[in-house]
Amino acid sequence: MNKRKHYNNINKVIYCDMDGVLADFNAEPDGINRYAVEEGFFENLQPLARNVKTIKQLIADGVAVKILSISPNERADGEKRKWLRKYLPRLRKSDIIILRKGATKSVYATANSVLFDDYGRNIREWVAADGIGWKVKADGNIADALEVIINL
């Protein structure tokens, strides 16, 4: 029997990065040189299925989930929003926060917030601002991290 995981008891705001956490940015050849200029780059990234599934479940269970992503330009903003509509259709538009490259994510950190991100600097700044940070590695599964975080 396949039991569905429930997250109704999470009383924290979950912030989740996109690239490298939900969307498989790292699988793209030469992605670092393509992302700011190639039309369709973000829109066509493949999902990291286990993490997307977990975020879908959090949203379904009524957990406060916000996407906190850095983008190089307005074209990429639109592509990221399109990707999110495709893979996380129940996510509210108001829960999508897209910042420009160089912005600091930690301005959103509170003692009751968690950031899932693949960039160590973002995690360090989030924790320094009193939030809970969890660095997602290439093969990471945020569902495993939630088991630890639920009771913090």
C-alpha atoms as a PDB file:
ATOM      1  CA  MET A   1       0.000   0.000   0.000  1.00  0.00           C
ATOM      2  CA  ASN A   2       1.349   3.420  -0.977  1.00  0.00           C
ATOM      3  CA  LYS A   3       0.682   5.808   1.892  1.00  0.00           C
ATOM      4  CA  ARG A   4       0.435   9.484   1.103  1.00  0.00           C
ATOM      5  CA  LYS A   5       2.622  11.716   3.228  1.00  0.00           C
ATOM      6  CA  HIS A   6       0.700  14.438   5.095  1.00  0.00           C
ATOM      7  CA  TYR A   7       2.303  17.703   6.174  1.00  0.00           C
ATOM      8  CA  ASN A   8      -0.645  19.335   7.946  1.00  0.00           C
ATOM      9  CA  ASN A   9       1.378  19.729  11.144  1.00  0.00           C
ATOM     10  CA  ILE A  10       4.044  22.033   9.659  1.00  0.00           C
ATOM     11  CA  ASN A  11       3.614  25.474  11.182  1.00  0.00           C
ATOM     12  CA  LYS A  12       6.378  27.185   9.255  1.00  0.00           C
ATOM     13  CA  VAL A  13       6.505  29.167   6.038  1.00  0.00           C
ATOM     14  CA  ILE A  14       8.395  27.158   3.443  1.00  0.00           C
ATOM     15  CA  TYR A  15      10.437  29.152   0.910  1.00  0.00           C
ATOM     16  CA  CYS A  16      11.821  27.146  -1.967  1.00  0.00           C
ATOM     17  CA  ASP A  17      14.356  28.087  -4.611  1.00  0.00           C
ATOM     18  CA  MET A  18      13.605  26.896  -8.150  1.00  0.00           C
ATOM     19  CA  ASP A  19      16.817  26.290 -10.086  1.00  0.00           C
ATOM     20  CA  GLY A  20      18.653  23.255  -8.765  1.00  0.00           C
ATOM     21  CA  VAL A  21      15.902  22.529  -6.213  1.00  0.00           C
ATOM     22  CA  LEU A  22      12.679  22.149  -8.216  1.00  0.00           C
ATOM     23  CA  ALA A  23      13.938  22.573 -11.785  1.00  0.00           C
ATOM     24  CA  ASP A  24      16.987  20.635 -12.969  1.00  0.00           C
ATOM     25  CA  PHE A  25      19.193  23.583 -13.956  1.00  0.00           C
ATOM     26  CA  ASN A  26      22.348  21.549 -13.399  1.00  0.00           C
ATOM     27  CA  ALA A  27      21.438  18.969 -16.059  1.00  0.00           C
ATOM     28  CA  GLU A  28      21.635  21.595 -18.799  1.00  0.00           C
ATOM     29  CA  PRO A  29      24.896  21.589 -20.735  1.00  0.00           C
ATOM     30  CA  ASP A  30      26.609  24.971 -20.373  1.00  0.00           C
ATOM     31  CA  GLY A  31      23.558  26.280 -18.514  1.00  0.00           C
ATOM     32  CA  ILE A  32      25.530  28.981 -16.725  1.00  0.00           C
ATOM     33  CA  ASN A  33      26.275  30.635 -20.084  1.00  0.00           C
ATOM     34  CA  ARG A  34      22.824  30.045 -21.572  1.00  0.00           C
ATOM     35  CA  TYR A  35      20.303  30.956 -18.854  1.00  0.00           C
ATOM     36  CA  ALA A  36      20.356  34.759 -19.230  1.00  0.00           C
ATOM     37  CA  VAL A  37      20.168  34.854 -23.019  1.00  0.00           C
ATOM     38  CA  GLU A  38      18.486  31.727 -24.356  1.00  0.00           C
ATOM     39  CA  GLU A  39      14.773  32.032 -24.985  1.00  0.00           C
ATOM     40  CA  GLY A  40      12.859  29.136 -23.421  1.00  0.00           C
ATOM     41  CA  PHE A  41      15.728  28.094 -21.155  1.00  0.00           C
ATOM     42  CA  PHE A  42      13.833  28.221 -17.854  1.00  0.00           C
ATOM     43  CA  GLU A  43      10.488  27.176 -19.286  1.00  0.00           C
ATOM     44  CA  ASN A  44      11.999  23.957 -20.654  1.00  0.00           C
ATOM     45  CA  LEU A  45      13.936  22.797 -17.593  1.00  0.00           C
ATOM     46  CA  GLN A  46      13.007  19.335 -16.408  1.00  0.00           C
ATOM     47  CA  PRO A  47      11.477  19.033 -12.945  1.00  0.00           C
ATOM     48  CA  LEU A  48      13.275  17.385 -10.055  1.00  0.00           C
ATOM     49  CA  ALA A  49      10.312  15.062  -9.605  1.00  0.00           C
ATOM     50  CA  ARG A  50      10.661  14.096  -5.932  1.00  0.00           C
ATOM     51  CA  ASN A  51      11.007  17.706  -4.814  1.00  0.00           C
ATOM     52  CA  VAL A  52       8.139  18.907  -7.011  1.00  0.00           C
ATOM     53  CA  LYS A  53       5.957  16.110  -5.614  1.00  0.00           C
ATOM     54  CA  THR A  54       6.779  17.159  -2.052  1.00  0.00           C
ATOM     55  CA  ILE A  55       6.006  20.830  -2.723  1.00  0.00           C
ATOM     56  CA  LYS A  56       2.700  19.840  -4.385  1.00  0.00           C
ATOM     57  CA  GLN A  57       1.819  17.844  -1.281  1.00  0.00           C
ATOM     58  CA  LEU A  58       2.722  20.724   1.048  1.00  0.00           C
ATOM     59  CA  ILE A  59       0.453  23.046  -0.946  1.00  0.00           C
ATOM     60  CA  ALA A  60      -2.375  20.460  -0.935  1.00  0.00           C
ATOM     61  CA  ASP A  61      -2.032  20.121   2.842  1.00  0.00           C
ATOM     62  CA  GLY A  62      -2.383  23.876   3.330  1.00  0.00           C
ATOM     63  CA  VAL A  63       1.230  24.591   4.296  1.00  0.00           C
ATOM     64  CA  ALA A  64       2.391  28.125   3.472  1.00  0.00           C
ATOM     65  CA  VAL A  65       4.722  27.628   0.501  1.00  0.00           C
ATOM     66  CA  LYS A  66       6.461  30.430  -1.372  1.00  0.00           C
ATOM     67  CA  ILE A  67       8.822  30.177  -4.306  1.00  0.00           C
ATOM     68  CA  LEU A  68      11.832  32.455  -3.906  1.00  0.00           C
ATOM     69  CA  SER A  69      13.886  32.534  -7.084  1.00  0.00           C
ATOM     70  CA  ILE A  70      16.542  34.728  -8.675  1.00  0.00           C
ATOM     71  CA  SER A  71      16.087  35.687 -12.322  1.00  0.00           C
ATOM     72  CA  PRO A  72      18.347  37.534 -14.768  1.00  0.00           C
ATOM     73  CA  ASN A  73      15.613  39.447 -16.649  1.00  0.00           C
ATOM     74  CA  GLU A  74      11.886  39.887 -17.330  1.00  0.00           C
ATOM     75  CA  ARG A  75      11.831  37.271 -20.085  1.00  0.00           C
ATOM     76  CA  ALA A  76      13.178  34.692 -17.672  1.00  0.00           C
ATOM     77  CA  ASP A  77      10.646  35.854 -15.038  1.00  0.00           C
ATOM     78  CA  GLY A  78       7.832  34.920 -17.415  1.00  0.00           C
ATOM     79  CA  GLU A  79       9.406  31.575 -18.233  1.00  0.00           C
ATOM     80  CA  LYS A  80       9.789  30.739 -14.554  1.00  0.00           C
ATOM     81  CA  ARG A  81       6.143  31.620 -13.916  1.00  0.00           C
ATOM     82  CA  LYS A  82       5.091  29.426 -16.856  1.00  0.00           C
ATOM     83  CA  TRP A  83       7.160  26.532 -15.493  1.00  0.00           C
ATOM     84  CA  LEU A  84       5.544  26.927 -12.082  1.00  0.00           C
ATOM     85  CA  ARG A  85       2.019  26.972 -13.588  1.00  0.00           C
ATOM     86  CA  LYS A  86       2.850  23.724 -15.381  1.00  0.00           C
ATOM     87  CA  TYR A  87       4.395  21.822 -12.474  1.00  0.00           C
ATOM     88  CA  LEU A  88       2.773  23.493  -9.439  1.00  0.00           C
ATOM     89  CA  PRO A  89      -0.632  24.601 -10.739  1.00  0.00           C
ATOM     90  CA  ARG A  90      -2.137  25.082  -7.263  1.00  0.00           C
ATOM     91  CA  LEU A  91       0.558  27.567  -6.228  1.00  0.00           C
ATOM     92  CA  ARG A  92      -0.927  31.050  -5.935  1.00  0.00           C
ATOM     93  CA  LYS A  93       0.614  33.831  -8.028  1.00  0.00           C
ATOM     94  CA  SER A  94       1.077  35.853  -4.844  1.00  0.00           C
ATOM     95  CA  ASP A  95       3.339  33.087  -3.495  1.00  0.00           C
ATOM     96  CA  ILE A  96       5.873  33.486  -6.304  1.00  0.00           C
ATOM     97  CA  ILE A  97       8.688  35.891  -5.455  1.00  0.00           C
ATOM     98  CA  ILE A  98      11.174  36.545  -8.224  1.00  0.00           C
ATOM     99  CA  LEU A  99      14.204  38.676  -7.430  1.00  0.00           C
ATOM    100  CA  ARG A 100      16.941  40.082  -9.652  1.00  0.00           C
ATOM    101  CA  LYS A 101      20.412  38.619  -9.675  1.00  0.00           C
ATOM    102  CA  GLY A 102      22.356  40.088  -6.773  1.00  0.00           C
ATOM    103  CA  ALA A 103      19.305  40.474  -4.498  1.00  0.00           C
ATOM    104  CA  THR A 104      19.391  39.010  -1.006  1.00  0.00           C
ATOM    105  CA  LYS A 105      16.843  36.306  -0.240  1.00  0.00           C
ATOM    106  CA  SER A 106      17.386  36.602   3.500  1.00  0.00           C
ATOM    107  CA  VAL A 107      15.209  39.737   3.714  1.00  0.00           C
ATOM    108  CA  TYR A 108      12.295  37.247   3.788  1.00  0.00           C
ATOM    109  CA  ALA A 109      13.724  35.170   6.645  1.00  0.00           C
ATOM    110  CA  THR A 110      11.939  34.935   9.985  1.00  0.00           C
ATOM    111  CA  ALA A 111      12.275  32.557  12.918  1.00  0.00           C
ATOM    112  CA  ASN A 112       9.264  30.690  11.545  1.00  0.00           C
ATOM    113  CA  SER A 113      10.576  30.264   7.985  1.00  0.00           C
ATOM    114  CA  VAL A 114      12.527  27.583   6.152  1.00  0.00           C
ATOM    115  CA  LEU A 115      14.525  28.081   2.952  1.00  0.00           C
ATOM    116  CA  PHE A 116      15.378  25.165   0.648  1.00  0.00           C
ATOM    117  CA  ASP A 117      18.158  26.309  -1.656  1.00  0.00           C
ATOM    118  CA  ASP A 118      21.141  24.797  -3.452  1.00  0.00           C
ATOM    119  CA  TYR A 119      23.370  27.836  -2.970  1.00  0.00           C
ATOM    120  CA  GLY A 120      25.314  27.822   0.293  1.00  0.00           C
ATOM    121  CA  ARG A 121      25.583  31.599   0.578  1.00  0.00           C
ATOM    122  CA  ASN A 122      21.782  31.945   0.508  1.00  0.00           C
ATOM    123  CA  ILE A 123      21.484  29.361   3.276  1.00  0.00           C
ATOM    124  CA  ARG A 124      24.140  31.047   5.451  1.00  0.00           C
ATOM    125  CA  GLU A 125      22.486  34.467   5.042  1.00  0.00           C
ATOM    126  CA  TRP A 126      19.035  32.993   5.783  1.00  0.00           C
ATOM    127  CA  VAL A 127      20.265  31.355   8.996  1.00  0.00           C
ATOM    128  CA  ALA A 128      22.083  34.555  10.035  1.00  0.00           C
ATOM    129  CA  ALA A 129      18.731  36.366   9.625  1.00  0.00           C
ATOM    130  CA  ASP A 130      17.118  33.915  12.108  1.00  0.00           C
ATOM    131  CA  GLY A 131      15.522  31.521   9.597  1.00  0.00           C
ATOM    132  CA  ILE A 132      16.027  27.793   9.136  1.00  0.00           C
ATOM    133  CA  GLY A 133      18.077  26.964   6.060  1.00  0.00           C
ATOM    134  CA  TRP A 134      18.502  23.625   4.333  1.00  0.00           C
ATOM    135  CA  LYS A 135      21.000  23.210   1.524  1.00  0.00           C
ATOM    136  CA  VAL A 136      19.630  20.939  -1.172  1.00  0.00           C
ATOM    137  CA  LYS A 137      22.303  18.890  -2.889  1.00  0.00           C
ATOM    138  CA  ALA A 138      22.065  17.653  -6.490  1.00  0.00           C
ATOM    139  CA  ASP A 139      20.415  14.382  -5.467  1.00  0.00           C
ATOM    140  CA  GLY A 140      18.645  15.861  -2.452  1.00  0.00           C
ATOM    141  CA  ASN A 141      15.074  15.181  -1.502  1.00  0.00           C
ATOM    142  CA  ILE A 142      13.384  17.923   0.491  1.00  0.00           C
ATOM    143  CA  ALA A 143      10.901  15.400   1.918  1.00  0.00           C
ATOM    144  CA  ASP A 144      13.779  13.903   3.907  1.00  0.00           C
ATOM    145  CA  ALA A 145      14.665  17.346   5.278  1.00  0.00           C
ATOM    146  CA  LEU A 146      11.060  17.980   6.301  1.00  0.00           C
ATOM    147  CA  GLU A 147      11.224  15.003   8.644  1.00  0.00           C
ATOM    148  CA  VAL A 148      13.914  16.877  10.575  1.00  0.00           C
ATOM    149  CA  ILE A 149      12.393  20.347  10.263  1.00  0.00           C
ATOM    150  CA  ILE A 150       8.821  19.526  11.304  1.00  0.00           C
ATOM    151  CA  ASN A 151       9.679  19.585  14.983  1.00  0.00           C
ATOM    152  CA  LEU A 152      12.074  22.533  15.029  1.00  0.00           C
END
